Amino acid sequence: MREVHGGLKRLVGPARYRHSLRVATLCREIARREGVSIVSAHLAGLSHDLARDLPRDVLVAFVPCLEDVGKHEVEHPVLLHGAVAAHLLAHVYGLPIPEILEAVRHHTLGAPGLGPLGQILFCADYLEPQRTHISREEAGRILSLPLPDMVCAVVEHMERSGFPVHPVTMEMYRALREERVNAHV
């Protein structure tokens, strides 16, 4: 974990570093409530933006090494930072823990079938306390929901706020909604 922390400090600016610490803290809080590994949640939160401050050309240079990269990500290289961060975690920092890699890989857009740790990171990144796109009251309300409902509420807030919601994010949303409906039948 020390290597990841050191790598983060070297690769991102001070504001992004502080953001990552806040996301890690929020990930731990949600994980504790949801019965997910607090250590994995901390590592996912801490490392999710490991590649966020890399230049566009560096992010694009990683594409041949990455699995499951969509056309939209290549056309908008900033979206590659999750996939690049997961690659660095596995291949540079020797952290081949699938649920952490999945969470980091998909923290920006989400993905259908995303596991609990990935859902936690998706929400924590959007709701961390210094975000200005959401009021603290609304964030608190969303954070009080069960995890699948929390993810759906984040996506709904994105839509209401005018954020562009990617089709893969909507696929995740619809799948979670369907699971919730089927669980109540």
Protein backbone atom coordinates (compact mmCIF):
# COMPACT_ATOMS: atom_id res chain seq x y z
CA MET A 1 0.00 0.00 0.00
CA ARG A 2 2.92 2.31 0.70
CA GLU A 3 4.08 2.02 -2.92
CA VAL A 4 0.65 3.00 -4.23
CA HIS A 5 0.52 5.97 -1.87
CA GLY A 6 4.00 7.10 -2.97
CA GLY A 7 3.10 6.63 -6.64
CA LEU A 8 -0.04 8.68 -6.18
CA LYS A 9 1.93 11.54 -4.63
CA ARG A 10 4.36 11.48 -7.57
CA LEU A 11 1.77 11.23 -10.35
CA VAL A 12 -0.94 13.68 -9.28
CA GLY A 13 -1.06 17.27 -8.13
CA PRO A 14 -1.84 18.30 -4.55
CA ALA A 15 -5.56 18.94 -5.17
CA ARG A 16 -6.06 15.52 -6.82
CA TYR A 17 -4.08 13.89 -4.00
CA ARG A 18 -6.37 15.45 -1.38
CA HIS A 19 -9.41 14.40 -3.45
CA SER A 20 -8.11 10.82 -3.50
CA LEU A 21 -7.67 10.82 0.28
CA ARG A 22 -11.26 12.06 0.72
CA VAL A 23 -12.59 9.42 -1.68
CA ALA A 24 -10.64 6.72 0.19
CA THR A 25 -12.17 7.89 3.48
CA LEU A 26 -15.69 7.86 2.05
CA CYS A 27 -15.09 4.44 0.45
CA ARG A 28 -14.10 3.04 3.85
CA GLU A 29 -17.24 4.49 5.47
CA ILE A 30 -19.55 3.00 2.85
CA ALA A 31 -17.65 -0.32 2.82
CA ARG A 32 -17.94 -0.66 6.58
CA ARG A 33 -21.72 -0.26 6.34
CA GLU A 34 -22.02 -2.60 3.33
CA GLY A 35 -19.77 -5.36 4.71
CA VAL A 36 -17.10 -4.89 2.05
CA SER A 37 -13.37 -5.06 2.84
CA ILE A 38 -12.31 -1.72 4.30
CA VAL A 39 -8.71 -2.28 3.18
CA SER A 40 -9.79 -2.93 -0.42
CA ALA A 41 -12.11 0.10 -0.29
CA HIS A 42 -9.29 2.30 0.97
CA LEU A 43 -6.90 1.11 -1.74
CA ALA A 44 -9.50 1.55 -4.48
CA GLY A 45 -10.37 5.05 -3.29
CA LEU A 46 -6.77 6.07 -2.87
CA SER A 47 -5.66 4.80 -6.28
CA HIS A 48 -8.69 5.55 -8.47
CA ASP A 49 -7.17 8.73 -9.97
CA LEU A 50 -3.59 7.47 -10.10
CA ALA A 51 -3.46 8.22 -13.84
CA ARG A 52 -5.86 11.20 -13.92
CA ASP A 53 -3.17 13.87 -14.28
CA LEU A 54 -1.20 12.05 -16.99
CA PRO A 55 -1.11 13.89 -20.34
CA ARG A 56 -3.59 12.80 -23.00
CA ASP A 57 -0.87 11.38 -25.26
CA VAL A 58 0.47 9.22 -22.41
CA LEU A 59 -3.03 7.89 -21.65
CA VAL A 60 -3.55 7.06 -25.35
CA ALA A 61 -0.14 5.35 -25.51
CA PHE A 62 -1.45 2.80 -23.00
CA VAL A 63 -4.38 1.72 -25.22
CA PRO A 64 -2.58 -1.29 -26.79
CA CYS A 65 -1.90 -2.61 -23.25
CA LEU A 66 -5.49 -2.20 -22.04
CA GLU A 67 -8.36 -4.64 -22.22
CA ASP A 68 -11.95 -3.72 -22.95
CA VAL A 69 -11.39 -0.11 -23.95
CA GLY A 70 -14.31 1.46 -25.77
CA LYS A 71 -14.27 3.80 -28.73
CA HIS A 72 -15.68 6.61 -26.57
CA GLU A 73 -12.74 6.31 -24.16
CA VAL A 74 -10.21 6.53 -26.97
CA GLU A 75 -12.02 9.55 -28.44
CA HIS A 76 -12.06 11.20 -24.99
CA PRO A 77 -8.70 10.18 -23.48
CA VAL A 78 -9.44 11.57 -20.02
CA LEU A 79 -11.85 8.62 -19.69
CA LEU A 80 -8.89 6.26 -20.07
CA HIS A 81 -7.48 7.23 -16.67
CA GLY A 82 -9.39 4.48 -14.81
CA ALA A 83 -8.19 1.76 -17.19
CA VAL A 84 -4.62 3.10 -17.08
CA ALA A 85 -4.70 3.32 -13.28
CA ALA A 86 -5.91 -0.30 -13.05
CA HIS A 87 -3.13 -1.34 -15.45
CA LEU A 88 -0.52 0.47 -13.34
CA LEU A 89 -1.86 -1.10 -10.15
CA ALA A 90 -1.59 -4.59 -11.61
CA HIS A 91 1.62 -4.29 -13.60
CA VAL A 92 3.72 -1.63 -11.85
CA TYR A 93 2.57 -1.88 -8.24
CA GLY A 94 1.90 -5.64 -8.24
CA LEU A 95 -1.65 -5.35 -6.94
CA PRO A 96 -3.56 -7.93 -9.02
CA ILE A 97 -6.67 -7.96 -6.81
CA PRO A 98 -9.58 -8.31 -9.26
CA GLU A 99 -12.22 -6.39 -7.29
CA ILE A 100 -9.88 -3.41 -6.76
CA LEU A 101 -8.82 -3.41 -10.41
CA GLU A 102 -12.47 -3.61 -11.53
CA ALA A 103 -13.47 -0.76 -9.21
CA VAL A 104 -10.63 1.51 -10.36
CA ARG A 105 -11.15 0.59 -14.02
CA HIS A 106 -14.85 1.48 -13.98
CA HIS A 107 -15.04 4.28 -11.41
CA THR A 108 -15.84 7.01 -13.94
CA LEU A 109 -18.59 5.53 -16.09
CA GLY A 110 -19.56 2.47 -14.07
CA ALA A 111 -20.42 -0.77 -15.86
CA PRO A 112 -23.25 -3.28 -15.93
CA GLY A 113 -22.50 -6.01 -13.39
CA LEU A 114 -20.09 -3.82 -11.46
CA GLY A 115 -19.39 -5.42 -8.08
CA PRO A 116 -20.01 -3.83 -4.69
CA LEU A 117 -16.52 -2.32 -4.38
CA GLY A 118 -16.86 -0.74 -7.82
CA GLN A 119 -20.28 0.62 -6.92
CA ILE A 120 -18.85 2.07 -3.69
CA LEU A 121 -16.02 3.80 -5.56
CA PHE A 122 -18.37 5.09 -8.29
CA CYS A 123 -20.52 6.73 -5.60
CA ALA A 124 -17.69 7.93 -3.34
CA ASP A 125 -15.93 9.67 -6.23
CA TYR A 126 -19.14 11.53 -7.13
CA LEU A 127 -20.19 12.32 -3.56
CA GLU A 128 -16.91 13.15 -1.80
CA PRO A 129 -17.34 16.12 0.54
CA GLN A 130 -15.52 18.77 -1.50
CA ARG A 131 -17.53 18.24 -4.68
CA THR A 132 -19.40 21.37 -5.67
CA HIS A 133 -21.91 19.81 -8.09
CA ILE A 134 -24.04 18.45 -5.24
CA SER A 135 -25.21 19.91 -1.95
CA ARG A 136 -24.06 18.29 1.25
CA GLU A 137 -27.70 17.65 2.14
CA GLU A 138 -28.36 15.81 -1.12
CA ALA A 139 -25.10 13.88 -0.85
CA GLY A 140 -26.03 12.85 2.70
CA ARG A 141 -29.45 11.68 1.55
CA ILE A 142 -27.92 9.60 -1.23
CA LEU A 143 -25.26 8.18 1.09
CA SER A 144 -27.98 6.95 3.47
CA LEU A 145 -29.45 4.65 0.80
CA PRO A 146 -28.64 0.96 0.32
CA LEU A 147 -25.77 0.58 -2.17
CA PRO A 148 -27.72 -0.27 -5.37
CA ASP A 149 -30.16 2.57 -4.67
CA MET A 150 -27.21 4.86 -3.94
CA VAL A 151 -25.72 4.11 -7.37
CA CYS A 152 -29.08 4.78 -9.04
CA ALA A 153 -29.53 8.03 -7.11
CA VAL A 154 -26.07 9.19 -8.23
CA VAL A 155 -26.96 8.51 -11.87
CA GLU A 156 -30.30 10.28 -11.44
CA HIS A 157 -28.51 13.27 -9.90
CA MET A 158 -26.08 13.33 -12.83
CA GLU A 159 -29.01 13.49 -15.24
CA ARG A 160 -30.82 16.22 -13.28
CA SER A 161 -27.60 18.23 -13.06
CA GLY A 162 -27.01 18.12 -16.80
CA PHE A 163 -23.94 15.86 -16.68
CA PRO A 164 -23.54 13.83 -19.84
CA VAL A 165 -24.48 10.29 -18.84
CA HIS A 166 -22.71 7.69 -20.95
CA PRO A 167 -24.73 4.76 -22.36
CA VAL A 168 -22.70 2.26 -20.31
CA THR A 169 -23.64 4.20 -17.17
CA MET A 170 -27.30 3.95 -18.18
CA GLU A 171 -26.89 0.21 -18.80
CA MET A 172 -25.60 -0.14 -15.24
CA TYR A 173 -28.48 1.97 -13.95
CA ARG A 174 -31.13 -0.06 -15.80
CA ALA A 175 -29.61 -3.36 -14.64
CA LEU A 176 -29.58 -2.23 -11.00
CA ARG A 177 -33.16 -0.94 -11.26
CA GLU A 178 -34.27 -4.24 -12.77
CA GLU A 179 -32.51 -6.18 -9.98
CA ARG A 180 -34.29 -4.03 -7.38
CA VAL A 181 -37.69 -4.61 -9.02
CA ASN A 182 -37.11 -8.34 -9.28
CA ALA A 183 -35.98 -8.50 -5.64
CA HIS A 184 -39.32 -7.02 -4.56
CA VAL A 185 -41.44 -9.38 -6.68
